[in-house]
Amino acid sequence: MTARRAAAWLTVGGLALLPLAQAVPTAAGTAVSTTTSAVPDETVVDYGETVDVAVDVSTSDDDALTAGTSTLFARPAGATRWRAVETTSSASFDFFAVRPRATTTYKVVYHGYSTTSATEQSFAPSTSSTFTVEVARTITYPAGGFDISGVVRPDYAGRPIVVKVSSEQSGGFRRYTRIRTDTTGAYRISLPRRSGEWFWSFVVKGDERYLGTRFKWRTWAS
């Protein structure tokens, strides 16, 4: 053995140890795996309403993380690309007052956390399961009477509203007529003054972007 090699080895009791240059690196700085969950407080809302999304980023030890940031991403119905909605300043912060403009699928991405400190852990990125919030159109109507008018929102210009009628409050409805909204989504109809008590159902159908909606109406004449 050369003097150079002998200087690089340490022999104790006849056993040769690896030189320092070949020592196995420590686990410090190795990214700890994470799990991200995201749960909305509502999965069906009327147009214009908001939802809150509870976020939890944790390790296998169930420790909730604060290091790093998380971003809420959205993909509205009919879209193919995700867009960033908001980024929190801490990993497990919730998202409040999220307003879907149409039925939308969401996910939360935790971006991970890196450090060069030998005493601090790094955390790997993770992504939550997706969830969908369905949005229903809204329809306004007056407080009473035979002349019914209102507005359907959103995006319901020149589209149909089916009007059904029944002598029973809970069933037996049959189609009475079909009307159409104008260019602003407004509608108007004068119901017949039939003697007795009648129940009417106004039905707005759904589509890919919005759930349908409806309301019931009661008229009475002697």
C-alpha atoms as a PDB file:
ATOM      1  CA  MET A   1       0.000   0.000   0.000  1.00  0.00           C
ATOM      2  CA  THR A   2       1.361   3.430  -0.869  1.00  0.00           C
ATOM      3  CA  ALA A   3       1.875   6.091   1.760  1.00  0.00           C
ATOM      4  CA  ARG A   4      -0.884   8.114   0.086  1.00  0.00           C
ATOM      5  CA  ARG A   5      -3.439   5.303   0.378  1.00  0.00           C
ATOM      6  CA  ALA A   6      -2.330   4.460   3.901  1.00  0.00           C
ATOM      7  CA  ALA A   7      -3.013   8.044   4.952  1.00  0.00           C
ATOM      8  CA  ALA A   8      -6.572   7.793   3.689  1.00  0.00           C
ATOM      9  CA  TRP A   9      -7.448   4.675   5.646  1.00  0.00           C
ATOM     10  CA  LEU A  10      -7.845   4.154   9.346  1.00  0.00           C
ATOM     11  CA  THR A  11      -7.070   0.662  10.687  1.00  0.00           C
ATOM     12  CA  VAL A  12      -8.422  -0.345  14.081  1.00  0.00           C
ATOM     13  CA  GLY A  13      -7.851  -3.864  15.388  1.00  0.00           C
ATOM     14  CA  GLY A  14      -7.072  -5.065  11.879  1.00  0.00           C
ATOM     15  CA  LEU A  15     -10.382  -3.699  10.394  1.00  0.00           C
ATOM     16  CA  ALA A  16     -10.220  -1.147   7.615  1.00  0.00           C
ATOM     17  CA  LEU A  17     -12.882   1.625   7.629  1.00  0.00           C
ATOM     18  CA  LEU A  18     -14.062   3.517   4.540  1.00  0.00           C
ATOM     19  CA  PRO A  19     -12.383   6.835   3.933  1.00  0.00           C
ATOM     20  CA  LEU A  20     -14.440   9.912   4.783  1.00  0.00           C
ATOM     21  CA  ALA A  21     -14.901  10.739   1.115  1.00  0.00           C
ATOM     22  CA  GLN A  22     -17.002   7.550   0.701  1.00  0.00           C
ATOM     23  CA  ALA A  23     -19.224   7.958   3.781  1.00  0.00           C
ATOM     24  CA  VAL A  24     -22.995   7.425   3.246  1.00  0.00           C
ATOM     25  CA  PRO A  25     -24.849  10.778   3.239  1.00  0.00           C
ATOM     26  CA  THR A  26     -27.281  11.532   6.068  1.00  0.00           C
ATOM     27  CA  ALA A  27     -31.044  11.699   5.608  1.00  0.00           C
ATOM     28  CA  ALA A  28     -31.064  15.419   6.315  1.00  0.00           C
ATOM     29  CA  GLY A  29     -32.514  17.262   3.291  1.00  0.00           C
ATOM     30  CA  THR A  30     -34.320  14.197   1.901  1.00  0.00           C
ATOM     31  CA  ALA A  31     -37.864  15.267   0.986  1.00  0.00           C
ATOM     32  CA  VAL A  32     -40.543  13.688   3.179  1.00  0.00           C
ATOM     33  CA  SER A  33     -43.579  12.447   1.226  1.00  0.00           C
ATOM     34  CA  THR A  34     -46.845  14.321   1.755  1.00  0.00           C
ATOM     35  CA  THR A  35     -50.565  13.849   1.209  1.00  0.00           C
ATOM     36  CA  THR A  36     -52.936  16.681   0.278  1.00  0.00           C
ATOM     37  CA  SER A  37     -56.691  16.597   0.815  1.00  0.00           C
ATOM     38  CA  ALA A  38     -59.251  19.222  -0.214  1.00  0.00           C
ATOM     39  CA  VAL A  39     -62.932  19.107   0.815  1.00  0.00           C
ATOM     40  CA  PRO A  40     -65.590  21.709  -0.136  1.00  0.00           C
ATOM     41  CA  ASP A  41     -68.364  22.612   2.310  1.00  0.00           C
ATOM     42  CA  GLU A  42     -70.918  22.373  -0.543  1.00  0.00           C
ATOM     43  CA  THR A  43     -70.956  20.426  -3.807  1.00  0.00           C
ATOM     44  CA  VAL A  44     -74.126  22.039  -5.258  1.00  0.00           C
ATOM     45  CA  VAL A  45     -74.722  25.788  -5.204  1.00  0.00           C
ATOM     46  CA  ASP A  46     -76.945  28.330  -6.920  1.00  0.00           C
ATOM     47  CA  TYR A  47     -75.329  30.707  -9.382  1.00  0.00           C
ATOM     48  CA  GLY A  48     -73.578  33.495  -7.492  1.00  0.00           C
ATOM     49  CA  GLU A  49     -73.022  31.512  -4.279  1.00  0.00           C
ATOM     50  CA  THR A  50     -69.598  30.628  -2.887  1.00  0.00           C
ATOM     51  CA  VAL A  51     -67.962  27.598  -1.258  1.00  0.00           C
ATOM     52  CA  ASP A  52     -65.170  27.176   1.291  1.00  0.00           C
ATOM     53  CA  VAL A  53     -62.516  24.509   0.705  1.00  0.00           C
ATOM     54  CA  ALA A  54     -60.849  22.855   3.697  1.00  0.00           C
ATOM     55  CA  VAL A  55     -57.221  21.896   2.981  1.00  0.00           C
ATOM     56  CA  ASP A  56     -54.972  19.500   4.856  1.00  0.00           C
ATOM     57  CA  VAL A  57     -51.375  18.766   3.851  1.00  0.00           C
ATOM     58  CA  SER A  58     -49.813  16.098   6.042  1.00  0.00           C
ATOM     59  CA  THR A  59     -46.993  13.582   6.296  1.00  0.00           C
ATOM     60  CA  SER A  60     -47.236   9.865   7.027  1.00  0.00           C
ATOM     61  CA  ASP A  61     -47.085  10.797  10.711  1.00  0.00           C
ATOM     62  CA  ASP A  62     -50.319  12.790  10.243  1.00  0.00           C
ATOM     63  CA  ASP A  63     -48.503  16.008  10.997  1.00  0.00           C
ATOM     64  CA  ALA A  64     -50.297  18.977   9.436  1.00  0.00           C
ATOM     65  CA  LEU A  65     -47.795  21.057   7.492  1.00  0.00           C
ATOM     66  CA  THR A  66     -47.441  24.808   7.415  1.00  0.00           C
ATOM     67  CA  ALA A  67     -44.159  24.988   5.474  1.00  0.00           C
ATOM     68  CA  GLY A  68     -44.631  25.801   1.797  1.00  0.00           C
ATOM     69  CA  THR A  69     -47.655  26.976  -0.170  1.00  0.00           C
ATOM     70  CA  SER A  70     -50.718  25.408  -1.834  1.00  0.00           C
ATOM     71  CA  THR A  71     -52.632  26.512  -4.939  1.00  0.00           C
ATOM     72  CA  LEU A  72     -56.277  25.931  -5.827  1.00  0.00           C
ATOM     73  CA  PHE A  73     -56.755  25.064  -9.508  1.00  0.00           C
ATOM     74  CA  ALA A  74     -60.073  25.133 -11.407  1.00  0.00           C
ATOM     75  CA  ARG A  75     -61.336  23.570 -14.634  1.00  0.00           C
ATOM     76  CA  PRO A  76     -64.835  24.773 -15.621  1.00  0.00           C
ATOM     77  CA  ALA A  77     -67.149  22.387 -17.467  1.00  0.00           C
ATOM     78  CA  GLY A  78     -66.218  22.249 -21.136  1.00  0.00           C
ATOM     79  CA  ALA A  79     -62.653  23.465 -20.540  1.00  0.00           C
ATOM     80  CA  THR A  80     -59.569  21.308 -21.029  1.00  0.00           C
ATOM     81  CA  ARG A  81     -56.979  23.349 -19.127  1.00  0.00           C
ATOM     82  CA  TRP A  82     -56.545  24.043 -15.436  1.00  0.00           C
ATOM     83  CA  ARG A  83     -56.204  27.616 -14.214  1.00  0.00           C
ATOM     84  CA  ALA A  84     -54.831  28.810 -10.899  1.00  0.00           C
ATOM     85  CA  VAL A  85     -57.428  30.478  -8.669  1.00  0.00           C
ATOM     86  CA  GLU A  86     -55.514  31.373  -5.525  1.00  0.00           C
ATOM     87  CA  THR A  87     -52.334  30.481  -3.641  1.00  0.00           C
ATOM     88  CA  THR A  88     -52.144  30.384   0.142  1.00  0.00           C
ATOM     89  CA  SER A  89     -49.227  31.658   2.208  1.00  0.00           C
ATOM     90  CA  SER A  90     -49.122  28.427   4.228  1.00  0.00           C
ATOM     91  CA  ALA A  91     -49.513  24.784   3.132  1.00  0.00           C
ATOM     92  CA  SER A  92     -52.667  23.835   5.058  1.00  0.00           C
ATOM     93  CA  PHE A  93     -54.542  27.137   4.892  1.00  0.00           C
ATOM     94  CA  ASP A  94     -58.137  26.833   3.671  1.00  0.00           C
ATOM     95  CA  PHE A  95     -59.617  28.624   0.655  1.00  0.00           C
ATOM     96  CA  PHE A  96     -62.621  30.824   1.492  1.00  0.00           C
ATOM     97  CA  ALA A  97     -65.432  32.299  -0.620  1.00  0.00           C
ATOM     98  CA  VAL A  98     -64.517  30.465  -3.823  1.00  0.00           C
ATOM     99  CA  ARG A  99     -67.082  31.445  -6.452  1.00  0.00           C
ATOM    100  CA  PRO A 100     -67.631  28.981  -9.324  1.00  0.00           C
ATOM    101  CA  ARG A 101     -69.151  30.771 -12.322  1.00  0.00           C
ATOM    102  CA  ALA A 102     -70.322  27.441 -13.766  1.00  0.00           C
ATOM    103  CA  THR A 103     -70.057  23.784 -12.782  1.00  0.00           C
ATOM    104  CA  THR A 104     -66.342  23.438 -12.028  1.00  0.00           C
ATOM    105  CA  THR A 105     -63.846  20.741 -11.076  1.00  0.00           C
ATOM    106  CA  TYR A 106     -61.135  21.706  -8.582  1.00  0.00           C
ATOM    107  CA  LYS A 107     -57.893  20.342  -7.152  1.00  0.00           C
ATOM    108  CA  VAL A 108     -55.300  21.615  -4.683  1.00  0.00           C
ATOM    109  CA  VAL A 109     -51.584  21.340  -5.412  1.00  0.00           C
ATOM    110  CA  TYR A 110     -49.049  21.511  -2.585  1.00  0.00           C
ATOM    111  CA  HIS A 111     -45.794  22.822  -4.055  1.00  0.00           C
ATOM    112  CA  GLY A 112     -43.488  21.179  -1.546  1.00  0.00           C
ATOM    113  CA  TYR A 113     -40.813  22.768   0.604  1.00  0.00           C
ATOM    114  CA  SER A 114     -37.035  22.639   0.208  1.00  0.00           C
ATOM    115  CA  THR A 115     -34.332  23.567   2.683  1.00  0.00           C
ATOM    116  CA  THR A 116     -30.543  23.363   2.846  1.00  0.00           C
ATOM    117  CA  SER A 117     -30.557  23.300   6.629  1.00  0.00           C
ATOM    118  CA  ALA A 118     -29.194  20.110   8.206  1.00  0.00           C
ATOM    119  CA  THR A 119     -31.718  20.445  11.046  1.00  0.00           C
ATOM    120  CA  GLU A 120     -34.855  21.174   8.990  1.00  0.00           C
ATOM    121  CA  GLN A 121     -36.859  18.760   6.843  1.00  0.00           C
ATOM    122  CA  SER A 122     -37.844  19.183   3.209  1.00  0.00           C
ATOM    123  CA  PHE A 123     -41.279  18.075   1.954  1.00  0.00           C
ATOM    124  CA  ALA A 124     -42.253  16.630  -1.423  1.00  0.00           C
ATOM    125  CA  PRO A 125     -45.091  18.109  -3.541  1.00  0.00           C
ATOM    126  CA  SER A 126     -48.488  16.381  -3.663  1.00  0.00           C
ATOM    127  CA  THR A 127     -51.883  16.884  -5.282  1.00  0.00           C
ATOM    128  CA  SER A 128     -55.358  16.318  -3.865  1.00  0.00           C
ATOM    129  CA  SER A 129     -58.089  14.275  -5.486  1.00  0.00           C
ATOM    130  CA  THR A 130     -60.337  16.349  -7.734  1.00  0.00           C
ATOM    131  CA  PHE A 131     -63.829  17.402  -6.666  1.00  0.00           C
ATOM    132  CA  THR A 132     -66.664  19.062  -8.562  1.00  0.00           C
ATOM    133  CA  VAL A 133     -68.989  21.855  -7.480  1.00  0.00           C
ATOM    134  CA  GLU A 134     -72.181  21.922  -9.550  1.00  0.00           C
ATOM    135  CA  VAL A 135     -73.826  25.283 -10.191  1.00  0.00           C
ATOM    136  CA  ALA A 136     -77.570  25.652 -10.740  1.00  0.00           C
ATOM    137  CA  ARG A 137     -79.187  28.470 -12.657  1.00  0.00           C
ATOM    138  CA  THR A 138     -81.485  30.786 -10.719  1.00  0.00           C
ATOM    139  CA  ILE A 139     -84.962  32.028 -11.652  1.00  0.00           C
ATOM    140  CA  THR A 140     -86.780  34.969 -10.074  1.00  0.00           C
ATOM    141  CA  TYR A 141     -90.554  35.384  -9.810  1.00  0.00           C
ATOM    142  CA  PRO A 142     -93.099  37.714  -8.147  1.00  0.00           C
ATOM    143  CA  ALA A 143     -94.772  37.269  -4.783  1.00  0.00           C
ATOM    144  CA  GLY A 144     -98.236  36.361  -6.082  1.00  0.00           C
ATOM    145  CA  GLY A 145    -100.872  36.758  -8.767  1.00  0.00           C
ATOM    146  CA  PHE A 146    -101.626  35.367 -12.223  1.00  0.00           C
ATOM    147  CA  ASP A 147     -99.092  37.453 -14.142  1.00  0.00           C
ATOM    148  CA  ILE A 148     -95.736  35.742 -13.681  1.00  0.00           C
ATOM    149  CA  SER A 149     -92.438  37.280 -14.746  1.00  0.00           C
ATOM    150  CA  GLY A 150     -88.798  37.085 -13.813  1.00  0.00           C
ATOM    151  CA  VAL A 151     -85.288  36.411 -15.072  1.00  0.00           C
ATOM    152  CA  VAL A 152     -83.240  33.227 -15.499  1.00  0.00           C
ATOM    153  CA  ARG A 153     -79.490  33.597 -14.888  1.00  0.00           C
ATOM    154  CA  PRO A 154     -76.960  33.117 -16.339  1.00  0.00           C
ATOM    155  CA  ASP A 155     -76.705  32.609 -20.103  1.00  0.00           C
ATOM    156  CA  TYR A 156     -80.346  31.752 -20.766  1.00  0.00           C
ATOM    157  CA  ALA A 157     -81.290  34.087 -23.603  1.00  0.00           C
ATOM    158  CA  GLY A 158     -83.940  32.758 -25.974  1.00  0.00           C
ATOM    159  CA  ARG A 159     -84.221  29.430 -24.201  1.00  0.00           C
ATOM    160  CA  PRO A 160     -87.285  27.456 -23.039  1.00  0.00           C
ATOM    161  CA  ILE A 161     -89.146  27.284 -19.753  1.00  0.00           C
ATOM    162  CA  VAL A 162     -91.648  24.428 -19.508  1.00  0.00           C
ATOM    163  CA  VAL A 163     -94.834  25.251 -17.595  1.00  0.00           C
ATOM    164  CA  LYS A 164     -96.800  22.352 -16.093  1.00  0.00           C
ATOM    165  CA  VAL A 165    -100.083  22.327 -14.203  1.00  0.00           C
ATOM    166  CA  SER A 166    -101.850  20.041 -11.718  1.00  0.00           C
ATOM    167  CA  SER A 167    -104.835  20.096  -9.411  1.00  0.00           C
ATOM    168  CA  GLU A 168    -102.632  18.380  -6.815  1.00  0.00           C
ATOM    169  CA  GLN A 169     -99.787  19.992  -4.946  1.00  0.00           C
ATOM    170  CA  SER A 170     -97.397  17.040  -4.995  1.00  0.00           C
ATOM    171  CA  GLY A 171     -98.057  15.219  -8.266  1.00  0.00           C
ATOM    172  CA  GLY A 172    -100.112  14.758 -11.400  1.00  0.00           C
ATOM    173  CA  PHE A 173     -98.396  17.577 -13.303  1.00  0.00           C
ATOM    174  CA  ARG A 174     -98.918  17.692 -17.037  1.00  0.00           C
ATOM    175  CA  ARG A 175     -97.471  20.056 -19.599  1.00  0.00           C
ATOM    176  CA  TYR A 176     -99.422  23.276 -20.068  1.00  0.00           C
ATOM    177  CA  THR A 177     -97.174  25.272 -22.393  1.00  0.00           C
ATOM    178  CA  ARG A 178     -93.612  26.184 -23.195  1.00  0.00           C
ATOM    179  CA  ILE A 179     -92.399  29.771 -23.220  1.00  0.00           C
ATOM    180  CA  ARG A 180     -89.048  31.316 -24.157  1.00  0.00           C
ATOM    181  CA  THR A 181     -86.937  33.948 -22.496  1.00  0.00           C
ATOM    182  CA  ASP A 182     -85.924  37.127 -24.299  1.00  0.00           C
ATOM    183  CA  THR A 183     -82.386  38.269 -25.104  1.00  0.00           C
ATOM    184  CA  THR A 184     -81.780  39.175 -21.442  1.00  0.00           C
ATOM    185  CA  GLY A 185     -83.077  35.885 -20.010  1.00  0.00           C
ATOM    186  CA  ALA A 186     -86.376  37.487 -18.898  1.00  0.00           C
ATOM    187  CA  TYR A 187     -89.733  35.717 -19.219  1.00  0.00           C
ATOM    188  CA  ARG A 188     -93.414  36.607 -18.790  1.00  0.00           C
ATOM    189  CA  ILE A 189     -96.670  34.651 -18.811  1.00  0.00           C
ATOM    190  CA  SER A 190    -100.272  35.280 -17.754  1.00  0.00           C
ATOM    191  CA  LEU A 191    -101.822  32.182 -16.194  1.00  0.00           C
ATOM    192  CA  PRO A 192    -105.523  31.432 -16.809  1.00  0.00           C
ATOM    193  CA  ARG A 193    -107.987  32.325 -14.043  1.00  0.00           C
ATOM    194  CA  ARG A 194    -109.366  28.828 -13.611  1.00  0.00           C
ATOM    195  CA  SER A 195    -111.867  28.303 -10.836  1.00  0.00           C
ATOM    196  CA  GLY A 196    -110.580  26.378  -7.858  1.00  0.00           C
ATOM    197  CA  GLU A 197    -107.013  25.755  -6.690  1.00  0.00           C
ATOM    198  CA  TRP A 198    -104.271  24.995  -9.215  1.00  0.00           C
ATOM    199  CA  PHE A 199    -100.578  24.292  -8.916  1.00  0.00           C
ATOM    200  CA  TRP A 200     -98.025  25.278 -11.538  1.00  0.00           C
ATOM    201  CA  SER A 201     -94.449  24.164 -12.088  1.00  0.00           C
ATOM    202  CA  PHE A 202     -91.912  26.268 -13.992  1.00  0.00           C
ATOM    203  CA  VAL A 203     -88.984  24.130 -15.158  1.00  0.00           C
ATOM    204  CA  VAL A 204     -85.619  25.321 -16.484  1.00  0.00           C
ATOM    205  CA  LYS A 205     -83.566  22.467 -17.897  1.00  0.00           C
ATOM    206  CA  GLY A 206     -79.877  21.997 -17.195  1.00  0.00           C
ATOM    207  CA  ASP A 207     -76.915  21.572 -19.539  1.00  0.00           C
ATOM    208  CA  GLU A 208     -73.197  20.804 -19.360  1.00  0.00           C
ATOM    209  CA  ARG A 209     -72.369  24.017 -17.504  1.00  0.00           C
ATOM    210  CA  TYR A 210     -75.383  24.473 -15.240  1.00  0.00           C
ATOM    211  CA  LEU A 211     -77.932  22.400 -13.380  1.00  0.00           C
ATOM    212  CA  GLY A 212     -81.567  23.120 -14.059  1.00  0.00           C
ATOM    213  CA  THR A 213     -83.899  24.857 -11.645  1.00  0.00           C
ATOM    214  CA  ARG A 214     -87.620  25.141 -11.009  1.00  0.00           C
ATOM    215  CA  PHE A 215     -90.259  26.651  -8.788  1.00  0.00           C
ATOM    216  CA  LYS A 216     -93.890  25.877  -7.958  1.00  0.00           C
ATOM    217  CA  TRP A 217     -96.771  28.365  -8.057  1.00  0.00           C
ATOM    218  CA  ARG A 218    -100.289  28.321  -6.654  1.00  0.00           C
ATOM    219  CA  THR A 219    -103.355  30.090  -8.073  1.00  0.00           C
ATOM    220  CA  TRP A 220    -106.896  30.192  -6.763  1.00  0.00           C
ATOM    221  CA  ALA A 221    -110.105  31.636  -8.215  1.00  0.00           C
ATOM    222  CA  SER A 222    -113.782  31.277  -7.306  1.00  0.00           C
END
